[in-house]
Amino acid sequence: MNDLYNRQDIIRKLVPGGHRLRAGIPSIREELTPELQKYLHVLGPTPKRCLETLADLGLSDSEIGRYFGMPAVFITQLHQIWRIDGE
């Protein structure tokens, strides 16, 4: 247990400025409803770019939703909010 605390202290000191590392909590996006934010992590670290890419490849909202296991209606809403050309 002591060893764990020592490692964490060392890591904190190695971070620029000697501050703690960020907790990795996703940022809140004001333009998205809470329901959409629940599914946003499924699309990876760059969800808008992911949807743009899949739309460019010609996938429909239902195909994208099926691939990621999320409702197609949420994909459609994200397309509208981010003004992504698609279905």
PDB file of N, CA and C in Angstrom:
ATOM      1  N   MET A   1       0.829  -1.182   0.000  1.00  0.00           N
ATOM      2  CA  MET A   1       0.000   0.000   0.000  1.00  0.00           C
ATOM      3  C   MET A   1       0.878   1.251   0.000  1.00  0.00           C
ATOM      4  N   ASN A   2       1.922   1.242   0.795  1.00  0.00           N
ATOM      5  CA  ASN A   2       2.849   2.368   0.817  1.00  0.00           C
ATOM      6  C   ASN A   2       3.525   2.545  -0.524  1.00  0.00           C
ATOM      7  N   ASP A   3       3.834   1.432  -1.178  1.00  0.00           N
ATOM      8  CA  ASP A   3       4.488   1.482  -2.475  1.00  0.00           C
ATOM      9  C   ASP A   3       3.607   2.195  -3.510  1.00  0.00           C
ATOM     10  N   LEU A   4       2.288   1.963  -3.438  1.00  0.00           N
ATOM     11  CA  LEU A   4       1.358   2.606  -4.351  1.00  0.00           C
ATOM     12  C   LEU A   4       1.390   4.120  -4.160  1.00  0.00           C
ATOM     13  N   TYR A   5       1.379   4.559  -2.931  1.00  0.00           N
ATOM     14  CA  TYR A   5       1.396   5.999  -2.675  1.00  0.00           C
ATOM     15  C   TYR A   5       2.712   6.613  -3.133  1.00  0.00           C
ATOM     16  N   ASN A   6       3.800   5.906  -2.980  1.00  0.00           N
ATOM     17  CA  ASN A   6       5.091   6.421  -3.423  1.00  0.00           C
ATOM     18  C   ASN A   6       5.126   6.582  -4.937  1.00  0.00           C
ATOM     19  N   ARG A   7       4.583   5.629  -5.671  1.00  0.00           N
ATOM     20  CA  ARG A   7       4.539   5.722  -7.131  1.00  0.00           C
ATOM     21  C   ARG A   7       3.693   6.906  -7.580  1.00  0.00           C
ATOM     22  N   GLN A   8       2.568   7.103  -6.937  1.00  0.00           N
ATOM     23  CA  GLN A   8       1.700   8.220  -7.294  1.00  0.00           C
ATOM     24  C   GLN A   8       2.377   9.556  -7.018  1.00  0.00           C
ATOM     25  N   ASP A   9       3.119   9.637  -5.901  1.00  0.00           N
ATOM     26  CA  ASP A   9       3.841  10.866  -5.590  1.00  0.00           C
ATOM     27  C   ASP A   9       4.901  11.151  -6.641  1.00  0.00           C
ATOM     28  N   ILE A  10       5.589  10.113  -7.080  1.00  0.00           N
ATOM     29  CA  ILE A  10       6.621  10.287  -8.105  1.00  0.00           C
ATOM     30  C   ILE A  10       5.992  10.751  -9.410  1.00  0.00           C
ATOM     31  N   ILE A  11       4.870  10.149  -9.781  1.00  0.00           N
ATOM     32  CA  ILE A  11       4.197  10.533 -11.018  1.00  0.00           C
ATOM     33  C   ILE A  11       3.746  11.983 -10.940  1.00  0.00           C
ATOM     34  N   ARG A  12       3.217  12.412  -9.804  1.00  0.00           N
ATOM     35  CA  ARG A  12       2.795  13.810  -9.652  1.00  0.00           C
ATOM     36  C   ARG A  12       3.960  14.763  -9.851  1.00  0.00           C
ATOM     37  N   LYS A  13       5.125  14.372  -9.367  1.00  0.00           N
ATOM     38  CA  LYS A  13       6.289  15.241  -9.484  1.00  0.00           C
ATOM     39  C   LYS A  13       6.826  15.292 -10.909  1.00  0.00           C
ATOM     40  N   LEU A  14       6.582  14.247 -11.691  1.00  0.00           N
ATOM     41  CA  LEU A  14       7.062  14.210 -13.064  1.00  0.00           C
ATOM     42  C   LEU A  14       6.176  14.993 -14.031  1.00  0.00           C
ATOM     43  N   VAL A  15       4.941  15.253 -13.642  1.00  0.00           N
ATOM     44  CA  VAL A  15       4.025  15.998 -14.490  1.00  0.00           C
ATOM     45  C   VAL A  15       4.503  17.448 -14.555  1.00  0.00           C
ATOM     46  N   PRO A  16       4.446  18.079 -15.735  1.00  0.00           N
ATOM     47  CA  PRO A  16       4.880  19.478 -15.840  1.00  0.00           C
ATOM     48  C   PRO A  16       4.197  20.361 -14.804  1.00  0.00           C
ATOM     49  N   GLY A  17       4.987  21.136 -14.101  1.00  0.00           N
ATOM     50  CA  GLY A  17       4.461  22.016 -13.068  1.00  0.00           C
ATOM     51  C   GLY A  17       4.262  21.334 -11.729  1.00  0.00           C
ATOM     52  N   GLY A  18       4.491  20.049 -11.661  1.00  0.00           N
ATOM     53  CA  GLY A  18       4.358  19.325 -10.403  1.00  0.00           C
ATOM     54  C   GLY A  18       2.922  19.157  -9.953  1.00  0.00           C
ATOM     55  N   HIS A  19       1.964  19.336 -10.858  1.00  0.00           N
ATOM     56  CA  HIS A  19       0.554  19.198 -10.500  1.00  0.00           C
ATOM     57  C   HIS A  19       0.086  17.774 -10.751  1.00  0.00           C
ATOM     58  N   ARG A  20      -1.057  17.472 -10.211  1.00  0.00           N
ATOM     59  CA  ARG A  20      -1.627  16.147 -10.415  1.00  0.00           C
ATOM     60  C   ARG A  20      -2.110  15.995 -11.843  1.00  0.00           C
ATOM     61  N   LEU A  21      -2.153  14.752 -12.299  1.00  0.00           N
ATOM     62  CA  LEU A  21      -2.690  14.454 -13.618  1.00  0.00           C
ATOM     63  C   LEU A  21      -4.197  14.668 -13.608  1.00  0.00           C
ATOM     64  N   ARG A  22      -4.744  15.044 -14.749  1.00  0.00           N
ATOM     65  CA  ARG A  22      -6.192  15.193 -14.852  1.00  0.00           C
ATOM     66  C   ARG A  22      -6.862  13.840 -14.669  1.00  0.00           C
ATOM     67  N   ALA A  23      -8.037  13.859 -14.135  1.00  0.00           N
ATOM     68  CA  ALA A  23      -8.743  12.624 -13.799  1.00  0.00           C
ATOM     69  C   ALA A  23      -9.320  11.908 -15.009  1.00  0.00           C
ATOM     70  N   GLY A  24      -9.312  12.514 -16.156  1.00  0.00           N
ATOM     71  CA  GLY A  24      -9.865  11.869 -17.333  1.00  0.00           C
ATOM     72  C   GLY A  24     -11.373  11.959 -17.418  1.00  0.00           C
ATOM     73  N   ILE A  25     -11.965  12.902 -16.702  1.00  0.00           N
ATOM     74  CA  ILE A  25     -13.406  13.102 -16.758  1.00  0.00           C
ATOM     75  C   ILE A  25     -13.728  13.829 -18.062  1.00  0.00           C
ATOM     76  N   PRO A  26     -14.631  13.285 -18.862  1.00  0.00           N
ATOM     77  CA  PRO A  26     -14.928  13.942 -20.125  1.00  0.00           C
ATOM     78  C   PRO A  26     -15.521  15.327 -19.907  1.00  0.00           C
ATOM     79  N   SER A  27     -15.178  16.247 -20.794  1.00  0.00           N
ATOM     80  CA  SER A  27     -15.695  17.594 -20.672  1.00  0.00           C
ATOM     81  C   SER A  27     -17.170  17.611 -21.040  1.00  0.00           C
ATOM     82  N   ILE A  28     -17.889  18.506 -20.420  1.00  0.00           N
ATOM     83  CA  ILE A  28     -19.315  18.633 -20.698  1.00  0.00           C
ATOM     84  C   ILE A  28     -19.471  19.503 -21.933  1.00  0.00           C
ATOM     85  N   ARG A  29     -20.238  19.035 -22.871  1.00  0.00           N
ATOM     86  CA  ARG A  29     -20.491  19.784 -24.096  1.00  0.00           C
ATOM     87  C   ARG A  29     -21.883  20.374 -23.986  1.00  0.00           C
ATOM     88  N   GLU A  30     -21.928  21.683 -23.908  1.00  0.00           N
ATOM     89  CA  GLU A  30     -23.191  22.371 -23.653  1.00  0.00           C
ATOM     90  C   GLU A  30     -24.216  22.168 -24.759  1.00  0.00           C
ATOM     91  N   GLU A  31     -23.770  21.949 -26.006  1.00  0.00           N
ATOM     92  CA  GLU A  31     -24.700  21.815 -27.123  1.00  0.00           C
ATOM     93  C   GLU A  31     -25.417  20.469 -27.139  1.00  0.00           C
ATOM     94  N   LEU A  32     -24.975  19.533 -26.303  1.00  0.00           N
ATOM     95  CA  LEU A  32     -25.542  18.189 -26.313  1.00  0.00           C
ATOM     96  C   LEU A  32     -26.434  17.938 -25.106  1.00  0.00           C
ATOM     97  N   THR A  33     -27.504  17.216 -25.340  1.00  0.00           N
ATOM     98  CA  THR A  33     -28.398  16.839 -24.248  1.00  0.00           C
ATOM     99  C   THR A  33     -27.709  15.784 -23.371  1.00  0.00           C
ATOM    100  N   PRO A  34     -28.166  15.619 -22.144  1.00  0.00           N
ATOM    101  CA  PRO A  34     -27.573  14.592 -21.276  1.00  0.00           C
ATOM    102  C   PRO A  34     -27.647  13.186 -21.885  1.00  0.00           C
ATOM    103  N   GLU A  35     -28.720  12.894 -22.638  1.00  0.00           N
ATOM    104  CA  GLU A  35     -28.846  11.574 -23.261  1.00  0.00           C
ATOM    105  C   GLU A  35     -27.745  11.359 -24.296  1.00  0.00           C
ATOM    106  N   LEU A  36     -27.470  12.401 -25.089  1.00  0.00           N
ATOM    107  CA  LEU A  36     -26.416  12.288 -26.086  1.00  0.00           C
ATOM    108  C   LEU A  36     -25.049  12.163 -25.428  1.00  0.00           C
ATOM    109  N   GLN A  37     -24.834  12.874 -24.336  1.00  0.00           N
ATOM    110  CA  GLN A  37     -23.544  12.829 -23.649  1.00  0.00           C
ATOM    111  C   GLN A  37     -23.256  11.440 -23.090  1.00  0.00           C
ATOM    112  N   LYS A  38     -24.303  10.702 -22.744  1.00  0.00           N
ATOM    113  CA  LYS A  38     -24.111   9.345 -22.231  1.00  0.00           C
ATOM    114  C   LYS A  38     -23.495   8.430 -23.288  1.00  0.00           C
ATOM    115  N   TYR A  39     -23.835   8.674 -24.551  1.00  0.00           N
ATOM    116  CA  TYR A  39     -23.365   7.819 -25.637  1.00  0.00           C
ATOM    117  C   TYR A  39     -22.120   8.355 -26.332  1.00  0.00           C
ATOM    118  N   LEU A  40     -21.727   9.570 -26.048  1.00  0.00           N
ATOM    119  CA  LEU A  40     -20.649  10.216 -26.785  1.00  0.00           C
ATOM    120  C   LEU A  40     -19.330   9.457 -26.682  1.00  0.00           C
ATOM    121  N   HIS A  41     -19.049   8.874 -25.523  1.00  0.00           N
ATOM    122  CA  HIS A  41     -17.785   8.154 -25.324  1.00  0.00           C
ATOM    123  C   HIS A  41     -17.646   6.945 -26.248  1.00  0.00           C
ATOM    124  N   VAL A  42     -18.785   6.412 -26.700  1.00  0.00           N
ATOM    125  CA  VAL A  42     -18.770   5.240 -27.570  1.00  0.00           C
ATOM    126  C   VAL A  42     -18.069   5.561 -28.896  1.00  0.00           C
ATOM    127  N   LEU A  43     -18.156   6.825 -29.322  1.00  0.00           N
ATOM    128  CA  LEU A  43     -17.592   7.226 -30.607  1.00  0.00           C
ATOM    129  C   LEU A  43     -16.099   7.521 -30.538  1.00  0.00           C
ATOM    130  N   GLY A  44     -15.493   7.364 -29.383  1.00  0.00           N
ATOM    131  CA  GLY A  44     -14.054   7.536 -29.261  1.00  0.00           C
ATOM    132  C   GLY A  44     -13.650   8.941 -28.837  1.00  0.00           C
ATOM    133  N   PRO A  45     -12.352   9.226 -28.866  1.00  0.00           N
ATOM    134  CA  PRO A  45     -11.844  10.510 -28.361  1.00  0.00           C
ATOM    135  C   PRO A  45     -12.200  11.702 -29.261  1.00  0.00           C
ATOM    136  N   THR A  46     -12.518  11.457 -30.526  1.00  0.00           N
ATOM    137  CA  THR A  46     -12.910  12.542 -31.435  1.00  0.00           C
ATOM    138  C   THR A  46     -14.236  12.165 -32.103  1.00  0.00           C
ATOM    139  N   PRO A  47     -15.336  12.277 -31.365  1.00  0.00           N
ATOM    140  CA  PRO A  47     -16.614  11.787 -31.875  1.00  0.00           C
ATOM    141  C   PRO A  47     -17.098  12.514 -33.128  1.00  0.00           C
ATOM    142  N   LYS A  48     -16.883  13.824 -33.203  1.00  0.00           N
ATOM    143  CA  LYS A  48     -17.343  14.555 -34.385  1.00  0.00           C
ATOM    144  C   LYS A  48     -16.584  14.088 -35.631  1.00  0.00           C
ATOM    145  N   ARG A  49     -15.299  13.971 -35.527  1.00  0.00           N
ATOM    146  CA  ARG A  49     -14.495  13.511 -36.662  1.00  0.00           C
ATOM    147  C   ARG A  49     -14.872  12.080 -37.047  1.00  0.00           C
ATOM    148  N   CYS A  50     -15.168  11.259 -36.063  1.00  0.00           N
ATOM    149  CA  CYS A  50     -15.579   9.874 -36.330  1.00  0.00           C
ATOM    150  C   CYS A  50     -16.856   9.859 -37.160  1.00  0.00           C
ATOM    151  N   LEU A  51     -17.861  10.666 -36.757  1.00  0.00           N
ATOM    152  CA  LEU A  51     -19.107  10.707 -37.513  1.00  0.00           C
ATOM    153  C   LEU A  51     -18.904  11.297 -38.904  1.00  0.00           C
ATOM    154  N   GLU A  52     -18.068  12.321 -39.008  1.00  0.00           N
ATOM    155  CA  GLU A  52     -17.782  12.912 -40.317  1.00  0.00           C
ATOM    156  C   GLU A  52     -17.182  11.869 -41.262  1.00  0.00           C
ATOM    157  N   THR A  53     -16.257  11.098 -40.738  1.00  0.00           N
ATOM    158  CA  THR A  53     -15.584  10.081 -41.540  1.00  0.00           C
ATOM    159  C   THR A  53     -16.559   9.007 -42.010  1.00  0.00           C
ATOM    160  N   LEU A  54     -17.384   8.520 -41.089  1.00  0.00           N
ATOM    161  CA  LEU A  54     -18.323   7.467 -41.455  1.00  0.00           C
ATOM    162  C   LEU A  54     -19.390   7.979 -42.417  1.00  0.00           C
ATOM    163  N   ALA A  55     -19.804   9.244 -42.253  1.00  0.00           N
ATOM    164  CA  ALA A  55     -20.766   9.836 -43.191  1.00  0.00           C
ATOM    165  C   ALA A  55     -20.128   9.997 -44.574  1.00  0.00           C
ATOM    166  N   ASP A  56     -18.852  10.388 -44.600  1.00  0.00           N
ATOM    167  CA  ASP A  56     -18.140  10.506 -45.877  1.00  0.00           C
ATOM    168  C   ASP A  56     -18.024   9.165 -46.593  1.00  0.00           C
ATOM    169  N   LEU A  57     -17.950   8.101 -45.825  1.00  0.00           N
ATOM    170  CA  LEU A  57     -17.869   6.766 -46.414  1.00  0.00           C
ATOM    171  C   LEU A  57     -19.230   6.268 -46.908  1.00  0.00           C
ATOM    172  N   GLY A  58     -20.282   7.040 -46.615  1.00  0.00           N
ATOM    173  CA  GLY A  58     -21.608   6.702 -47.112  1.00  0.00           C
ATOM    174  C   GLY A  58     -22.462   5.868 -46.179  1.00  0.00           C
ATOM    175  N   LEU A  59     -22.057   5.701 -44.944  1.00  0.00           N
ATOM    176  CA  LEU A  59     -22.858   4.921 -44.002  1.00  0.00           C
ATOM    177  C   LEU A  59     -24.065   5.747 -43.558  1.00  0.00           C
ATOM    178  N   SER A  60     -25.199   5.093 -43.415  1.00  0.00           N
ATOM    179  CA  SER A  60     -26.409   5.761 -42.940  1.00  0.00           C
ATOM    180  C   SER A  60     -26.363   5.867 -41.415  1.00  0.00           C
ATOM    181  N   ASP A  61     -27.262   6.681 -40.881  1.00  0.00           N
ATOM    182  CA  ASP A  61     -27.327   6.833 -39.425  1.00  0.00           C
ATOM    183  C   ASP A  61     -27.653   5.511 -38.744  1.00  0.00           C
ATOM    184  N   SER A  62     -28.536   4.736 -39.351  1.00  0.00           N
ATOM    185  CA  SER A  62     -28.890   3.448 -38.737  1.00  0.00           C
ATOM    186  C   SER A  62     -27.704   2.479 -38.774  1.00  0.00           C
ATOM    187  N   GLU A  63     -26.917   2.513 -39.850  1.00  0.00           N
ATOM    188  CA  GLU A  63     -25.733   1.653 -39.921  1.00  0.00           C
ATOM    189  C   GLU A  63     -24.687   2.068 -38.885  1.00  0.00           C
ATOM    190  N   ILE A  64     -24.491   3.364 -38.732  1.00  0.00           N
ATOM    191  CA  ILE A  64     -23.528   3.860 -37.733  1.00  0.00           C
ATOM    192  C   ILE A  64     -24.007   3.501 -36.334  1.00  0.00           C
ATOM    193  N   GLY A  65     -25.292   3.707 -36.076  1.00  0.00           N
ATOM    194  CA  GLY A  65     -25.856   3.368 -34.774  1.00  0.00           C
ATOM    195  C   GLY A  65     -25.727   1.888 -34.457  1.00  0.00           C
ATOM    196  N   ARG A  66     -25.985   1.058 -35.440  1.00  0.00           N
ATOM    197  CA  ARG A  66     -25.868  -0.395 -35.243  1.00  0.00           C
ATOM    198  C   ARG A  66     -24.422  -0.786 -34.953  1.00  0.00           C
ATOM    199  N   TYR A  67     -23.481  -0.174 -35.669  1.00  0.00           N
ATOM    200  CA  TYR A  67     -22.064  -0.490 -35.473  1.00  0.00           C
ATOM    201  C   TYR A  67     -21.604  -0.142 -34.054  1.00  0.00           C
ATOM    202  N   PHE A  68     -22.039   1.025 -33.558  1.00  0.00           N
ATOM    203  CA  PHE A  68     -21.613   1.461 -32.228  1.00  0.00           C
ATOM    204  C   PHE A  68     -22.551   1.023 -31.117  1.00  0.00           C
ATOM    205  N   GLY A  69     -23.666   0.401 -31.455  1.00  0.00           N
ATOM    206  CA  GLY A  69     -24.607  -0.060 -30.437  1.00  0.00           C
ATOM    207  C   GLY A  69     -25.352   1.072 -29.758  1.00  0.00           C
ATOM    208  N   MET A  70     -25.695   2.094 -30.530  1.00  0.00           N
ATOM    209  CA  MET A  70     -26.460   3.211 -29.970  1.00  0.00           C
ATOM    210  C   MET A  70     -27.641   3.519 -30.883  1.00  0.00           C
ATOM    211  N   PRO A  71     -28.697   4.118 -30.349  1.00  0.00           N
ATOM    212  CA  PRO A  71     -29.884   4.390 -31.166  1.00  0.00           C
ATOM    213  C   PRO A  71     -29.558   5.314 -32.350  1.00  0.00           C
ATOM    214  N   ALA A  72     -30.120   4.978 -33.506  1.00  0.00           N
ATOM    215  CA  ALA A  72     -29.876   5.761 -34.715  1.00  0.00           C
ATOM    216  C   ALA A  72     -30.378   7.190 -34.573  1.00  0.00           C
ATOM    217  N   VAL A  73     -31.396   7.381 -33.758  1.00  0.00           N
ATOM    218  CA  VAL A  73     -31.935   8.729 -33.567  1.00  0.00           C
ATOM    219  C   VAL A  73     -30.880   9.647 -32.927  1.00  0.00           C
ATOM    220  N   PHE A  74     -30.022   9.105 -32.081  1.00  0.00           N
ATOM    221  CA  PHE A  74     -28.951   9.902 -31.480  1.00  0.00           C
ATOM    222  C   PHE A  74     -27.894  10.266 -32.525  1.00  0.00           C
ATOM    223  N   ILE A  75     -27.626   9.352 -33.434  1.00  0.00           N
ATOM    224  CA  ILE A  75     -26.680   9.638 -34.519  1.00  0.00           C
ATOM    225  C   ILE A  75     -27.235  10.779 -35.374  1.00  0.00           C
ATOM    226  N   THR A  76     -28.534  10.712 -35.679  1.00  0.00           N
ATOM    227  CA  THR A  76     -29.174  11.758 -36.469  1.00  0.00           C
ATOM    228  C   THR A  76     -29.093  13.102 -35.747  1.00  0.00           C
ATOM    229  N   GLN A  77     -29.337  13.097 -34.449  1.00  0.00           N
ATOM    230  CA  GLN A  77     -29.255  14.342 -33.678  1.00  0.00           C
ATOM    231  C   GLN A  77     -27.844  14.914 -33.697  1.00  0.00           C
ATOM    232  N   LEU A  78     -26.839  14.059 -33.568  1.00  0.00           N
ATOM    233  CA  LEU A  78     -25.458  14.534 -33.609  1.00  0.00           C
ATOM    234  C   LEU A  78     -25.118  15.107 -34.988  1.00  0.00           C
ATOM    235  N   HIS A  79     -25.613  14.471 -36.040  1.00  0.00           N
ATOM    236  CA  HIS A  79     -25.406  14.997 -37.387  1.00  0.00           C
ATOM    237  C   HIS A  79     -25.992  16.401 -37.513  1.00  0.00           C
ATOM    238  N   GLN A  80     -27.179  16.599 -36.952  1.00  0.00           N
ATOM    239  CA  GLN A  80     -27.836  17.902 -37.041  1.00  0.00           C
ATOM    240  C   GLN A  80     -27.118  18.950 -36.193  1.00  0.00           C
ATOM    241  N   ILE A  81     -26.741  18.586 -34.986  1.00  0.00           N
ATOM    242  CA  ILE A  81     -26.072  19.535 -34.085  1.00  0.00           C
ATOM    243  C   ILE A  81     -24.729  19.967 -34.649  1.00  0.00           C
ATOM    244  N   TRP A  82     -23.967  19.019 -35.164  1.00  0.00           N
ATOM    245  CA  TRP A  82     -22.624  19.312 -35.667  1.00  0.00           C
ATOM    246  C   TRP A  82     -22.616  19.651 -37.157  1.00  0.00           C
ATOM    247  N   ARG A  83     -23.802  19.712 -37.775  1.00  0.00           N
ATOM    248  CA  ARG A  83     -23.932  20.058 -39.199  1.00  0.00           C
ATOM    249  C   ARG A  83     -23.066  19.167 -40.091  1.00  0.00           C
ATOM    250  N   ILE A  84     -23.246  17.890 -39.897  1.00  0.00           N
ATOM    251  CA  ILE A  84     -22.513  16.898 -40.692  1.00  0.00           C
ATOM    252  C   ILE A  84     -23.440  16.409 -41.794  1.00  0.00           C
ATOM    253  N   ASP A  85     -22.963  16.464 -43.030  1.00  0.00           N
ATOM    254  CA  ASP A  85     -23.762  15.950 -44.141  1.00  0.00           C
ATOM    255  C   ASP A  85     -23.846  14.448 -44.043  1.00  0.00           C
ATOM    256  N   GLY A  86     -25.027  13.936 -44.225  1.00  0.00           N
ATOM    257  CA  GLY A  86     -25.184  12.484 -44.161  1.00  0.00           C
ATOM    258  C   GLY A  86     -26.531  12.126 -44.716  1.00  0.00           C
ATOM    259  N   GLU A  87     -27.115  11.108 -44.139  1.00  0.00           N
ATOM    260  CA  GLU A  87     -28.386  10.546 -44.601  1.00  0.00           C
ATOM    261  C   GLU A  87     -29.452  11.609 -44.702  1.00  0.00           C
TER     262      GLU A  87
END
